[in-house]
Amino acid sequence: MAEKMINFAANRGIIAGLLTNLLSSICIVFINKWIYVHYGFPNMTLTLVHFVITWLGLYICQKMDIFSPKSIPIRRIVWLALSFCGFVAFTNLSLQNNSIGTYQLAKAMTTPVIILIQTLYYKKTFSTKIKLTLVPITLGVILNSYYDVKFNLLGTAFASLGVLVTSLYQVWVGAKQHELQVNSMQLLYYQAPLSSAFLLCIVPLFEPLTGDGGIFGPWSLPTLATVLFSGVVAFLVNLSIYWIIGNTSAVTYNMFGHFKFCITLMGGYVLFQEPLSLNQALGILCTLAGILSYTHIKLMEQEEGKSRLAQRP
């Protein structure tokens, strides 16, 4: 009975984390789009602001005794912080040098690359059934992006690097929590300021520092207020990403990412009457079928694992 209560509480916590990530991720997309379109605020600078506010939010949480920081040697998380910067830089460069369809198709490749990294370097095993769920998901993304897929050498290079670095980042988020025996807040408390420092070095290479469109440009009060609000939402997004990966896996988080993509497409169709082609509708159905299959198989495997443990003398 006690074990069932613990499992229920754990599952309820995971559902709460997924819902927080879903709502905050959708919210941040619309807020960021508003900021880019109406205020012209630079993309990477906004990411830098988000991580600074994330660290400030964690600092306040720590002062309120919501969590206790754990001493972590900086050298142990340098690669994690650098991979985050690479993930931001190459994702932006991929979007800049590719069509939306190519960009989305490249993002879909993150899940199989994560499985490959975890299999080769972390000796983690995935059943054939789990691997097969990638087929309808990838097919769904291809159907969604088919008419907008255009390849060029530079764009393909940035997209490939983006997939590799993003996969490493997501794998390391989970691996570092287990390796250093820290929770999501404790790890993010150290990684956020370190990533901010690295991003501060990268931003001048891509975006101006002063004048119109620069981080120290003449921004209006409504712009700054909206940017700060987006930072608060980004705090929830970043924290929930770390929490989900730490309590489930990078693959599960990626599957959830595909689900959010479908929700965003359907939301655009329902709320804003954005056109939805037959290919896109079929793509959404394929992707959702793959996600539901993955969830069902994962739950079955977990139950089988618990049964085997219970049968041991």
C-alpha atoms as a PDB file:
ATOM      1  CA  MET A   1       0.000   0.000   0.000  1.00  0.00           C
ATOM      2  CA  ALA A   2       2.805   2.374   0.979  1.00  0.00           C
ATOM      3  CA  GLU A   3       4.639   1.562  -2.265  1.00  0.00           C
ATOM      4  CA  LYS A   4       1.513   2.355  -4.311  1.00  0.00           C
ATOM      5  CA  MET A   5       1.165   5.702  -2.529  1.00  0.00           C
ATOM      6  CA  ILE A   6       4.802   6.536  -3.318  1.00  0.00           C
ATOM      7  CA  ASN A   7       4.333   5.566  -6.983  1.00  0.00           C
ATOM      8  CA  PHE A   8       1.141   7.649  -7.178  1.00  0.00           C
ATOM      9  CA  ALA A   9       2.910  10.678  -5.665  1.00  0.00           C
ATOM     10  CA  ALA A  10       5.860  10.248  -8.084  1.00  0.00           C
ATOM     11  CA  ASN A  11       3.551   9.933 -11.110  1.00  0.00           C
ATOM     12  CA  ARG A  12       1.530  12.929  -9.968  1.00  0.00           C
ATOM     13  CA  GLY A  13       4.771  14.926  -9.678  1.00  0.00           C
ATOM     14  CA  ILE A  14       5.823  13.919 -13.218  1.00  0.00           C
ATOM     15  CA  ILE A  15       2.387  14.901 -14.599  1.00  0.00           C
ATOM     16  CA  ALA A  16       2.626  18.265 -12.796  1.00  0.00           C
ATOM     17  CA  GLY A  17       6.117  18.812 -14.261  1.00  0.00           C
ATOM     18  CA  LEU A  18       4.943  17.930 -17.778  1.00  0.00           C
ATOM     19  CA  LEU A  19       1.917  20.242 -17.503  1.00  0.00           C
ATOM     20  CA  THR A  20       4.099  23.088 -16.206  1.00  0.00           C
ATOM     21  CA  ASN A  21       6.479  22.583 -19.122  1.00  0.00           C
ATOM     22  CA  LEU A  22       3.621  22.349 -21.639  1.00  0.00           C
ATOM     23  CA  LEU A  23       1.885  25.549 -20.501  1.00  0.00           C
ATOM     24  CA  SER A  24       5.065  27.580 -19.962  1.00  0.00           C
ATOM     25  CA  SER A  25       6.605  26.407 -23.280  1.00  0.00           C
ATOM     26  CA  ILE A  26       3.517  27.364 -25.283  1.00  0.00           C
ATOM     27  CA  CYS A  27       3.324  30.665 -23.387  1.00  0.00           C
ATOM     28  CA  ILE A  28       6.996  31.482 -24.017  1.00  0.00           C
ATOM     29  CA  VAL A  29       6.615  30.854 -27.778  1.00  0.00           C
ATOM     30  CA  PHE A  30       3.840  33.442 -28.061  1.00  0.00           C
ATOM     31  CA  ILE A  31       5.568  35.965 -25.764  1.00  0.00           C
ATOM     32  CA  ASN A  32       8.879  35.632 -27.624  1.00  0.00           C
ATOM     33  CA  LYS A  33       7.117  35.950 -30.985  1.00  0.00           C
ATOM     34  CA  TRP A  34       5.443  39.136 -29.727  1.00  0.00           C
ATOM     35  CA  ILE A  35       8.826  40.497 -28.557  1.00  0.00           C
ATOM     36  CA  TYR A  36      10.540  39.728 -31.892  1.00  0.00           C
ATOM     37  CA  VAL A  37       7.706  41.059 -34.080  1.00  0.00           C
ATOM     38  CA  HIS A  38       6.647  44.153 -32.116  1.00  0.00           C
ATOM     39  CA  TYR A  39       9.902  45.181 -30.413  1.00  0.00           C
ATOM     40  CA  GLY A  40      12.650  43.633 -32.562  1.00  0.00           C
ATOM     41  CA  PHE A  41      14.533  42.399 -29.493  1.00  0.00           C
ATOM     42  CA  PRO A  42      17.573  40.240 -30.482  1.00  0.00           C
ATOM     43  CA  ASN A  43      17.143  36.479 -30.131  1.00  0.00           C
ATOM     44  CA  MET A  44      20.339  35.388 -28.357  1.00  0.00           C
ATOM     45  CA  THR A  45      20.281  38.432 -26.058  1.00  0.00           C
ATOM     46  CA  LEU A  46      16.786  37.394 -24.994  1.00  0.00           C
ATOM     47  CA  THR A  47      18.117  33.900 -24.192  1.00  0.00           C
ATOM     48  CA  LEU A  48      20.880  35.499 -22.111  1.00  0.00           C
ATOM     49  CA  VAL A  49      18.275  37.550 -20.189  1.00  0.00           C
ATOM     50  CA  HIS A  50      16.239  34.375 -19.641  1.00  0.00           C
ATOM     51  CA  PHE A  51      19.165  32.545 -18.055  1.00  0.00           C
ATOM     52  CA  VAL A  52      20.119  35.493 -15.852  1.00  0.00           C
ATOM     53  CA  ILE A  53      16.515  35.674 -14.589  1.00  0.00           C
ATOM     54  CA  THR A  54      16.509  31.879 -14.132  1.00  0.00           C
ATOM     55  CA  TRP A  55      19.534  32.172 -11.857  1.00  0.00           C
ATOM     56  CA  LEU A  56      17.944  35.087  -9.952  1.00  0.00           C
ATOM     57  CA  GLY A  57      14.762  33.028  -9.528  1.00  0.00           C
ATOM     58  CA  LEU A  58      16.775  30.115  -8.151  1.00  0.00           C
ATOM     59  CA  TYR A  59      18.689  32.463  -5.838  1.00  0.00           C
ATOM     60  CA  ILE A  60      15.364  33.715  -4.421  1.00  0.00           C
ATOM     61  CA  CYS A  61      14.136  30.099  -4.055  1.00  0.00           C
ATOM     62  CA  GLN A  62      17.318  29.231  -2.189  1.00  0.00           C
ATOM     63  CA  LYS A  63      16.881  32.197   0.168  1.00  0.00           C
ATOM     64  CA  MET A  64      13.302  31.040   0.807  1.00  0.00           C
ATOM     65  CA  ASP A  65      14.658  27.573   1.762  1.00  0.00           C
ATOM     66  CA  ILE A  66      12.861  25.888  -1.151  1.00  0.00           C
ATOM     67  CA  PHE A  67      16.116  24.032  -1.883  1.00  0.00           C
ATOM     68  CA  SER A  68      19.646  23.899  -0.493  1.00  0.00           C
ATOM     69  CA  PRO A  69      22.572  24.503  -2.875  1.00  0.00           C
ATOM     70  CA  LYS A  70      25.093  21.698  -3.096  1.00  0.00           C
ATOM     71  CA  SER A  71      28.731  22.491  -3.722  1.00  0.00           C
ATOM     72  CA  ILE A  72      29.627  21.470  -7.300  1.00  0.00           C
ATOM     73  CA  PRO A  73      33.119  21.926  -8.812  1.00  0.00           C
ATOM     74  CA  ILE A  74      32.718  24.263 -11.784  1.00  0.00           C
ATOM     75  CA  ARG A  75      34.968  22.053 -13.945  1.00  0.00           C
ATOM     76  CA  ARG A  76      32.359  19.260 -13.618  1.00  0.00           C
ATOM     77  CA  ILE A  77      29.679  21.307 -15.415  1.00  0.00           C
ATOM     78  CA  VAL A  78      31.753  23.386 -17.866  1.00  0.00           C
ATOM     79  CA  TRP A  79      30.879  21.094 -20.793  1.00  0.00           C
ATOM     80  CA  LEU A  80      27.198  21.162 -19.833  1.00  0.00           C
ATOM     81  CA  ALA A  81      27.221  24.977 -19.837  1.00  0.00           C
ATOM     82  CA  LEU A  82      29.157  25.104 -23.131  1.00  0.00           C
ATOM     83  CA  SER A  83      26.796  22.586 -24.750  1.00  0.00           C
ATOM     84  CA  PHE A  84      23.867  24.836 -23.805  1.00  0.00           C
ATOM     85  CA  CYS A  85      25.554  27.781 -25.563  1.00  0.00           C
ATOM     86  CA  GLY A  86      26.232  25.589 -28.597  1.00  0.00           C
ATOM     87  CA  PHE A  87      22.628  24.393 -28.569  1.00  0.00           C
ATOM     88  CA  VAL A  88      21.355  28.013 -28.597  1.00  0.00           C
ATOM     89  CA  ALA A  89      23.869  29.224 -31.213  1.00  0.00           C
ATOM     90  CA  PHE A  90      23.503  26.327 -33.688  1.00  0.00           C
ATOM     91  CA  THR A  91      19.704  26.184 -33.308  1.00  0.00           C
ATOM     92  CA  ASN A  92      19.492  29.884 -34.193  1.00  0.00           C
ATOM     93  CA  LEU A  93      21.943  29.478 -37.085  1.00  0.00           C
ATOM     94  CA  SER A  94      19.956  26.486 -38.359  1.00  0.00           C
ATOM     95  CA  LEU A  95      16.723  28.499 -38.266  1.00  0.00           C
ATOM     96  CA  GLN A  96      18.485  31.437 -39.961  1.00  0.00           C
ATOM     97  CA  ASN A  97      19.988  29.377 -42.794  1.00  0.00           C
ATOM     98  CA  ASN A  98      17.209  26.815 -43.371  1.00  0.00           C
ATOM     99  CA  SER A  99      13.511  26.790 -44.178  1.00  0.00           C
ATOM    100  CA  ILE A 100      11.101  26.095 -41.289  1.00  0.00           C
ATOM    101  CA  GLY A 101      10.472  22.612 -42.705  1.00  0.00           C
ATOM    102  CA  THR A 102      14.173  21.713 -42.769  1.00  0.00           C
ATOM    103  CA  TYR A 103      14.613  23.171 -39.285  1.00  0.00           C
ATOM    104  CA  GLN A 104      11.731  21.064 -37.870  1.00  0.00           C
ATOM    105  CA  LEU A 105      12.944  17.929 -39.643  1.00  0.00           C
ATOM    106  CA  ALA A 106      16.422  18.390 -38.148  1.00  0.00           C
ATOM    107  CA  LYS A 107      14.930  18.832 -34.668  1.00  0.00           C
ATOM    108  CA  ALA A 108      13.080  15.519 -35.070  1.00  0.00           C
ATOM    109  CA  MET A 109      16.462  13.789 -35.504  1.00  0.00           C
ATOM    110  CA  THR A 110      17.406  14.702 -31.919  1.00  0.00           C
ATOM    111  CA  THR A 111      15.515  11.715 -30.461  1.00  0.00           C
ATOM    112  CA  PRO A 112      17.341   8.971 -32.446  1.00  0.00           C
ATOM    113  CA  VAL A 113      20.683  10.716 -31.823  1.00  0.00           C
ATOM    114  CA  ILE A 114      19.981  10.745 -28.061  1.00  0.00           C
ATOM    115  CA  ILE A 115      19.207   7.012 -28.196  1.00  0.00           C
ATOM    116  CA  LEU A 116      22.456   6.440 -30.144  1.00  0.00           C
ATOM    117  CA  ILE A 117      24.559   8.453 -27.630  1.00  0.00           C
ATOM    118  CA  GLN A 118      23.010   6.719 -24.613  1.00  0.00           C
ATOM    119  CA  THR A 119      23.471   3.288 -26.232  1.00  0.00           C
ATOM    120  CA  LEU A 120      27.115   3.807 -27.281  1.00  0.00           C
ATOM    121  CA  TYR A 121      28.517   5.871 -24.416  1.00  0.00           C
ATOM    122  CA  TYR A 122      26.225   5.194 -21.450  1.00  0.00           C
ATOM    123  CA  LYS A 123      25.511   1.526 -22.274  1.00  0.00           C
ATOM    124  CA  LYS A 124      21.794   2.131 -21.885  1.00  0.00           C
ATOM    125  CA  THR A 125      19.561  -0.364 -23.675  1.00  0.00           C
ATOM    126  CA  PHE A 126      16.336   0.396 -25.531  1.00  0.00           C
ATOM    127  CA  SER A 127      13.912  -2.295 -26.634  1.00  0.00           C
ATOM    128  CA  THR A 128      13.112  -2.789 -30.327  1.00  0.00           C
ATOM    129  CA  LYS A 129       9.533  -1.665 -29.611  1.00  0.00           C
ATOM    130  CA  ILE A 130      10.772   1.682 -28.224  1.00  0.00           C
ATOM    131  CA  LYS A 131      13.014   2.191 -31.264  1.00  0.00           C
ATOM    132  CA  LEU A 132      10.129   1.399 -33.632  1.00  0.00           C
ATOM    133  CA  THR A 133       8.003   4.210 -32.121  1.00  0.00           C
ATOM    134  CA  LEU A 134      10.464   6.629 -33.766  1.00  0.00           C
ATOM    135  CA  VAL A 135       9.176   5.571 -37.206  1.00  0.00           C
ATOM    136  CA  PRO A 136       5.675   7.159 -37.019  1.00  0.00           C
ATOM    137  CA  ILE A 137       7.084  10.194 -35.182  1.00  0.00           C
ATOM    138  CA  THR A 138       9.739  10.868 -37.842  1.00  0.00           C
ATOM    139  CA  LEU A 139       7.209  10.169 -40.608  1.00  0.00           C
ATOM    140  CA  GLY A 140       4.813  12.633 -38.970  1.00  0.00           C
ATOM    141  CA  VAL A 141       7.452  15.380 -38.903  1.00  0.00           C
ATOM    142  CA  ILE A 142       8.348  14.676 -42.555  1.00  0.00           C
ATOM    143  CA  LEU A 143       4.672  14.936 -43.564  1.00  0.00           C
ATOM    144  CA  ASN A 144       4.383  18.232 -41.669  1.00  0.00           C
ATOM    145  CA  SER A 145       7.509  19.673 -43.260  1.00  0.00           C
ATOM    146  CA  TYR A 146       7.513  17.982 -46.703  1.00  0.00           C
ATOM    147  CA  TYR A 147       6.688  20.990 -48.895  1.00  0.00           C
ATOM    148  CA  ASP A 148       9.070  23.277 -47.018  1.00  0.00           C
ATOM    149  CA  VAL A 149      12.187  21.081 -46.921  1.00  0.00           C
ATOM    150  CA  LYS A 150      15.075  22.721 -48.814  1.00  0.00           C
ATOM    151  CA  PHE A 151      18.691  21.667 -48.334  1.00  0.00           C
ATOM    152  CA  ASN A 152      21.851  23.767 -48.671  1.00  0.00           C
ATOM    153  CA  LEU A 153      25.396  22.978 -47.565  1.00  0.00           C
ATOM    154  CA  LEU A 154      25.758  25.673 -44.863  1.00  0.00           C
ATOM    155  CA  GLY A 155      22.245  25.169 -43.487  1.00  0.00           C
ATOM    156  CA  THR A 156      22.705  21.378 -43.358  1.00  0.00           C
ATOM    157  CA  ALA A 157      26.026  21.796 -41.511  1.00  0.00           C
ATOM    158  CA  PHE A 158      24.453  24.073 -38.875  1.00  0.00           C
ATOM    159  CA  ALA A 159      21.401  21.794 -38.550  1.00  0.00           C
ATOM    160  CA  SER A 160      23.628  18.711 -38.071  1.00  0.00           C
ATOM    161  CA  LEU A 161      25.783  20.451 -35.454  1.00  0.00           C
ATOM    162  CA  GLY A 162      22.605  21.701 -33.755  1.00  0.00           C
ATOM    163  CA  VAL A 163      21.189  18.163 -33.509  1.00  0.00           C
ATOM    164  CA  LEU A 164      24.464  16.755 -32.118  1.00  0.00           C
ATOM    165  CA  VAL A 165      24.994  19.499 -29.514  1.00  0.00           C
ATOM    166  CA  THR A 166      21.315  19.562 -28.466  1.00  0.00           C
ATOM    167  CA  SER A 167      21.368  15.779 -28.003  1.00  0.00           C
ATOM    168  CA  LEU A 168      24.551  15.958 -25.902  1.00  0.00           C
ATOM    169  CA  TYR A 169      23.086  18.780 -23.800  1.00  0.00           C
ATOM    170  CA  GLN A 170      19.882  16.889 -23.039  1.00  0.00           C
ATOM    171  CA  VAL A 171      21.743  13.657 -22.236  1.00  0.00           C
ATOM    172  CA  TRP A 172      24.165  15.517 -19.939  1.00  0.00           C
ATOM    173  CA  VAL A 173      21.333  17.296 -18.078  1.00  0.00           C
ATOM    174  CA  GLY A 174      20.095  13.900 -16.885  1.00  0.00           C
ATOM    175  CA  ALA A 175      23.528  12.294 -16.522  1.00  0.00           C
ATOM    176  CA  LYS A 176      24.962  15.159 -14.421  1.00  0.00           C
ATOM    177  CA  GLN A 177      22.029  15.075 -11.990  1.00  0.00           C
ATOM    178  CA  HIS A 178      22.700  11.395 -11.313  1.00  0.00           C
ATOM    179  CA  GLU A 179      26.498  11.651 -11.444  1.00  0.00           C
ATOM    180  CA  LEU A 180      26.695  14.611  -9.027  1.00  0.00           C
ATOM    181  CA  GLN A 181      23.736  13.434  -6.902  1.00  0.00           C
ATOM    182  CA  VAL A 182      21.923  16.757  -7.248  1.00  0.00           C
ATOM    183  CA  ASN A 183      18.348  17.712  -8.105  1.00  0.00           C
ATOM    184  CA  SER A 184      17.225  19.950 -10.981  1.00  0.00           C
ATOM    185  CA  MET A 185      17.363  23.164  -8.914  1.00  0.00           C
ATOM    186  CA  GLN A 186      20.814  22.448  -7.500  1.00  0.00           C
ATOM    187  CA  LEU A 187      22.301  21.754 -10.955  1.00  0.00           C
ATOM    188  CA  LEU A 188      20.583  24.678 -12.689  1.00  0.00           C
ATOM    189  CA  TYR A 189      21.700  26.996  -9.840  1.00  0.00           C
ATOM    190  CA  TYR A 190      25.319  26.539 -10.980  1.00  0.00           C
ATOM    191  CA  GLN A 191      24.779  26.005 -14.708  1.00  0.00           C
ATOM    192  CA  ALA A 192      22.605  29.112 -15.307  1.00  0.00           C
ATOM    193  CA  PRO A 193      25.217  31.758 -14.346  1.00  0.00           C
ATOM    194  CA  LEU A 194      28.008  29.808 -16.085  1.00  0.00           C
ATOM    195  CA  SER A 195      25.973  29.555 -19.313  1.00  0.00           C
ATOM    196  CA  SER A 196      25.105  33.261 -18.997  1.00  0.00           C
ATOM    197  CA  ALA A 197      28.813  34.134 -18.819  1.00  0.00           C
ATOM    198  CA  PHE A 198      29.587  32.011 -21.892  1.00  0.00           C
ATOM    199  CA  LEU A 199      26.589  33.464 -23.779  1.00  0.00           C
ATOM    200  CA  LEU A 200      27.779  36.973 -22.942  1.00  0.00           C
ATOM    201  CA  CYS A 201      30.991  36.132 -24.826  1.00  0.00           C
ATOM    202  CA  ILE A 202      29.086  34.645 -27.795  1.00  0.00           C
ATOM    203  CA  VAL A 203      26.364  37.333 -28.192  1.00  0.00           C
ATOM    204  CA  PRO A 204      28.704  40.048 -29.663  1.00  0.00           C
ATOM    205  CA  LEU A 205      29.631  37.622 -32.469  1.00  0.00           C
ATOM    206  CA  PHE A 206      26.004  37.403 -33.624  1.00  0.00           C
ATOM    207  CA  GLU A 207      24.226  40.535 -32.349  1.00  0.00           C
ATOM    208  CA  PRO A 208      25.093  44.224 -31.758  1.00  0.00           C
ATOM    209  CA  LEU A 209      25.721  45.427 -28.206  1.00  0.00           C
ATOM    210  CA  THR A 210      24.694  49.077 -28.649  1.00  0.00           C
ATOM    211  CA  GLY A 211      22.383  51.113 -30.874  1.00  0.00           C
ATOM    212  CA  ASP A 212      19.091  49.902 -32.342  1.00  0.00           C
ATOM    213  CA  GLY A 213      18.646  46.183 -31.791  1.00  0.00           C
ATOM    214  CA  GLY A 214      21.541  45.938 -29.304  1.00  0.00           C
ATOM    215  CA  ILE A 215      21.419  44.635 -25.736  1.00  0.00           C
ATOM    216  CA  PHE A 216      22.225  48.146 -24.449  1.00  0.00           C
ATOM    217  CA  GLY A 217      20.016  49.850 -27.024  1.00  0.00           C
ATOM    218  CA  PRO A 218      17.323  52.475 -26.290  1.00  0.00           C
ATOM    219  CA  TRP A 219      14.545  50.050 -25.313  1.00  0.00           C
ATOM    220  CA  SER A 220      11.158  51.374 -24.169  1.00  0.00           C
ATOM    221  CA  LEU A 221       9.639  50.556 -20.765  1.00  0.00           C
ATOM    222  CA  PRO A 222       6.919  48.237 -22.269  1.00  0.00           C
ATOM    223  CA  THR A 223       9.672  46.330 -24.122  1.00  0.00           C
ATOM    224  CA  LEU A 224      11.729  45.842 -20.957  1.00  0.00           C
ATOM    225  CA  ALA A 225       8.632  44.848 -18.965  1.00  0.00           C
ATOM    226  CA  THR A 226       7.661  42.236 -21.582  1.00  0.00           C
ATOM    227  CA  VAL A 227      11.234  40.900 -21.738  1.00  0.00           C
ATOM    228  CA  LEU A 228      11.325  40.564 -17.932  1.00  0.00           C
ATOM    229  CA  PHE A 229       7.965  38.773 -17.953  1.00  0.00           C
ATOM    230  CA  SER A 230       9.254  36.372 -20.624  1.00  0.00           C
ATOM    231  CA  GLY A 231      12.253  35.760 -18.338  1.00  0.00           C
ATOM    232  CA  VAL A 232       9.940  34.674 -15.499  1.00  0.00           C
ATOM    233  CA  VAL A 233       8.150  32.248 -17.851  1.00  0.00           C
ATOM    234  CA  ALA A 234      11.552  31.029 -19.125  1.00  0.00           C
ATOM    235  CA  PHE A 235      12.494  30.274 -15.493  1.00  0.00           C
ATOM    236  CA  LEU A 236       9.544  27.833 -15.356  1.00  0.00           C
ATOM    237  CA  VAL A 237      10.488  26.351 -18.737  1.00  0.00           C
ATOM    238  CA  ASN A 238      14.160  25.806 -17.801  1.00  0.00           C
ATOM    239  CA  LEU A 239      13.346  24.394 -14.371  1.00  0.00           C
ATOM    240  CA  SER A 240      10.695  22.015 -15.741  1.00  0.00           C
ATOM    241  CA  ILE A 241      13.074  20.784 -18.501  1.00  0.00           C
ATOM    242  CA  TYR A 242      15.722  19.871 -15.916  1.00  0.00           C
ATOM    243  CA  TRP A 243      13.092  18.335 -13.634  1.00  0.00           C
ATOM    244  CA  ILE A 244      11.511  16.207 -16.394  1.00  0.00           C
ATOM    245  CA  ILE A 245      14.859  14.906 -17.714  1.00  0.00           C
ATOM    246  CA  GLY A 246      16.124  14.252 -14.171  1.00  0.00           C
ATOM    247  CA  ASN A 247      12.984  12.322 -13.199  1.00  0.00           C
ATOM    248  CA  THR A 248      12.308  10.547 -16.504  1.00  0.00           C
ATOM    249  CA  SER A 249      14.853  10.635 -19.354  1.00  0.00           C
ATOM    250  CA  ALA A 250      16.086  12.770 -22.253  1.00  0.00           C
ATOM    251  CA  VAL A 251      14.167  10.511 -24.666  1.00  0.00           C
ATOM    252  CA  THR A 252      10.895  10.994 -22.751  1.00  0.00           C
ATOM    253  CA  TYR A 253      11.422  14.767 -22.750  1.00  0.00           C
ATOM    254  CA  ASN A 254      12.016  14.666 -26.520  1.00  0.00           C
ATOM    255  CA  MET A 255       8.833  12.663 -27.058  1.00  0.00           C
ATOM    256  CA  PHE A 256       7.002  15.300 -25.045  1.00  0.00           C
ATOM    257  CA  GLY A 257       8.608  17.937 -27.291  1.00  0.00           C
ATOM    258  CA  HIS A 258       7.016  16.299 -30.356  1.00  0.00           C
ATOM    259  CA  PHE A 259       3.671  16.371 -28.538  1.00  0.00           C
ATOM    260  CA  LYS A 260       4.090  20.118 -27.877  1.00  0.00           C
ATOM    261  CA  PHE A 261       4.842  20.623 -31.574  1.00  0.00           C
ATOM    262  CA  CYS A 262       1.518  18.945 -32.489  1.00  0.00           C
ATOM    263  CA  ILE A 263      -0.355  21.018 -29.881  1.00  0.00           C
ATOM    264  CA  THR A 264       1.189  24.234 -31.282  1.00  0.00           C
ATOM    265  CA  LEU A 265       0.112  23.335 -34.842  1.00  0.00           C
ATOM    266  CA  MET A 266      -3.414  22.436 -33.730  1.00  0.00           C
ATOM    267  CA  GLY A 267      -3.578  25.552 -31.537  1.00  0.00           C
ATOM    268  CA  GLY A 268      -2.667  27.749 -34.502  1.00  0.00           C
ATOM    269  CA  TYR A 269      -5.420  26.114 -36.553  1.00  0.00           C
ATOM    270  CA  VAL A 270      -8.126  26.332 -33.832  1.00  0.00           C
ATOM    271  CA  LEU A 271      -7.263  29.715 -32.282  1.00  0.00           C
ATOM    272  CA  PHE A 272      -5.865  31.688 -35.217  1.00  0.00           C
ATOM    273  CA  GLN A 273      -7.457  29.905 -38.210  1.00  0.00           C
ATOM    274  CA  GLU A 274      -3.996  29.175 -39.615  1.00  0.00           C
ATOM    275  CA  PRO A 275      -4.272  26.826 -42.635  1.00  0.00           C
ATOM    276  CA  LEU A 276      -3.764  23.126 -41.893  1.00  0.00           C
ATOM    277  CA  SER A 277      -3.126  20.943 -44.960  1.00  0.00           C
ATOM    278  CA  LEU A 278      -4.078  17.268 -45.261  1.00  0.00           C
ATOM    279  CA  ASN A 279      -0.372  16.385 -45.035  1.00  0.00           C
ATOM    280  CA  GLN A 280      -0.056  18.294 -41.757  1.00  0.00           C
ATOM    281  CA  ALA A 281      -3.179  16.654 -40.324  1.00  0.00           C
ATOM    282  CA  LEU A 282      -1.837  13.192 -41.242  1.00  0.00           C
ATOM    283  CA  GLY A 283       1.559  14.201 -39.845  1.00  0.00           C
ATOM    284  CA  ILE A 284       0.007  15.198 -36.509  1.00  0.00           C
ATOM    285  CA  LEU A 285      -1.889  11.884 -36.330  1.00  0.00           C
ATOM    286  CA  CYS A 286       1.299   9.888 -37.125  1.00  0.00           C
ATOM    287  CA  THR A 287       3.325  11.781 -34.517  1.00  0.00           C
ATOM    288  CA  LEU A 288       0.642  11.402 -31.840  1.00  0.00           C
ATOM    289  CA  ALA A 289       0.331   7.676 -32.641  1.00  0.00           C
ATOM    290  CA  GLY A 290       4.095   7.296 -32.133  1.00  0.00           C
ATOM    291  CA  ILE A 291       4.026   9.240 -28.846  1.00  0.00           C
ATOM    292  CA  LEU A 292       1.078   7.206 -27.510  1.00  0.00           C
ATOM    293  CA  SER A 293       2.845   3.970 -28.525  1.00  0.00           C
ATOM    294  CA  TYR A 294       6.037   5.087 -26.774  1.00  0.00           C
ATOM    295  CA  THR A 295       4.120   5.996 -23.608  1.00  0.00           C
ATOM    296  CA  HIS A 296       2.223   2.684 -23.585  1.00  0.00           C
ATOM    297  CA  ILE A 297       5.369   0.579 -24.181  1.00  0.00           C
ATOM    298  CA  LYS A 298       7.380   2.548 -21.597  1.00  0.00           C
ATOM    299  CA  LEU A 299       4.690   2.043 -18.936  1.00  0.00           C
ATOM    300  CA  MET A 300       4.451  -1.684 -19.769  1.00  0.00           C
ATOM    301  CA  GLU A 301       8.237  -2.078 -19.496  1.00  0.00           C
ATOM    302  CA  GLN A 302       8.246  -0.266 -16.136  1.00  0.00           C
ATOM    303  CA  GLU A 303       5.516  -2.573 -14.816  1.00  0.00           C
ATOM    304  CA  GLU A 304       7.430  -5.638 -16.054  1.00  0.00           C
ATOM    305  CA  GLY A 305      10.580  -4.339 -14.338  1.00  0.00           C
ATOM    306  CA  LYS A 306       8.728  -3.869 -11.043  1.00  0.00           C
ATOM    307  CA  SER A 307       7.219  -7.367 -11.307  1.00  0.00           C
ATOM    308  CA  ARG A 308      10.643  -8.922 -11.837  1.00  0.00           C
ATOM    309  CA  LEU A 309      12.028  -7.042  -8.808  1.00  0.00           C
ATOM    310  CA  ALA A 310       9.082  -8.140  -6.671  1.00  0.00           C
ATOM    311  CA  GLN A 311       9.615 -11.819  -7.637  1.00  0.00           C
ATOM    312  CA  ARG A 312      13.264 -11.805  -6.549  1.00  0.00           C
ATOM    313  CA  PRO A 313      13.825 -13.592  -3.202  1.00  0.00           C
END
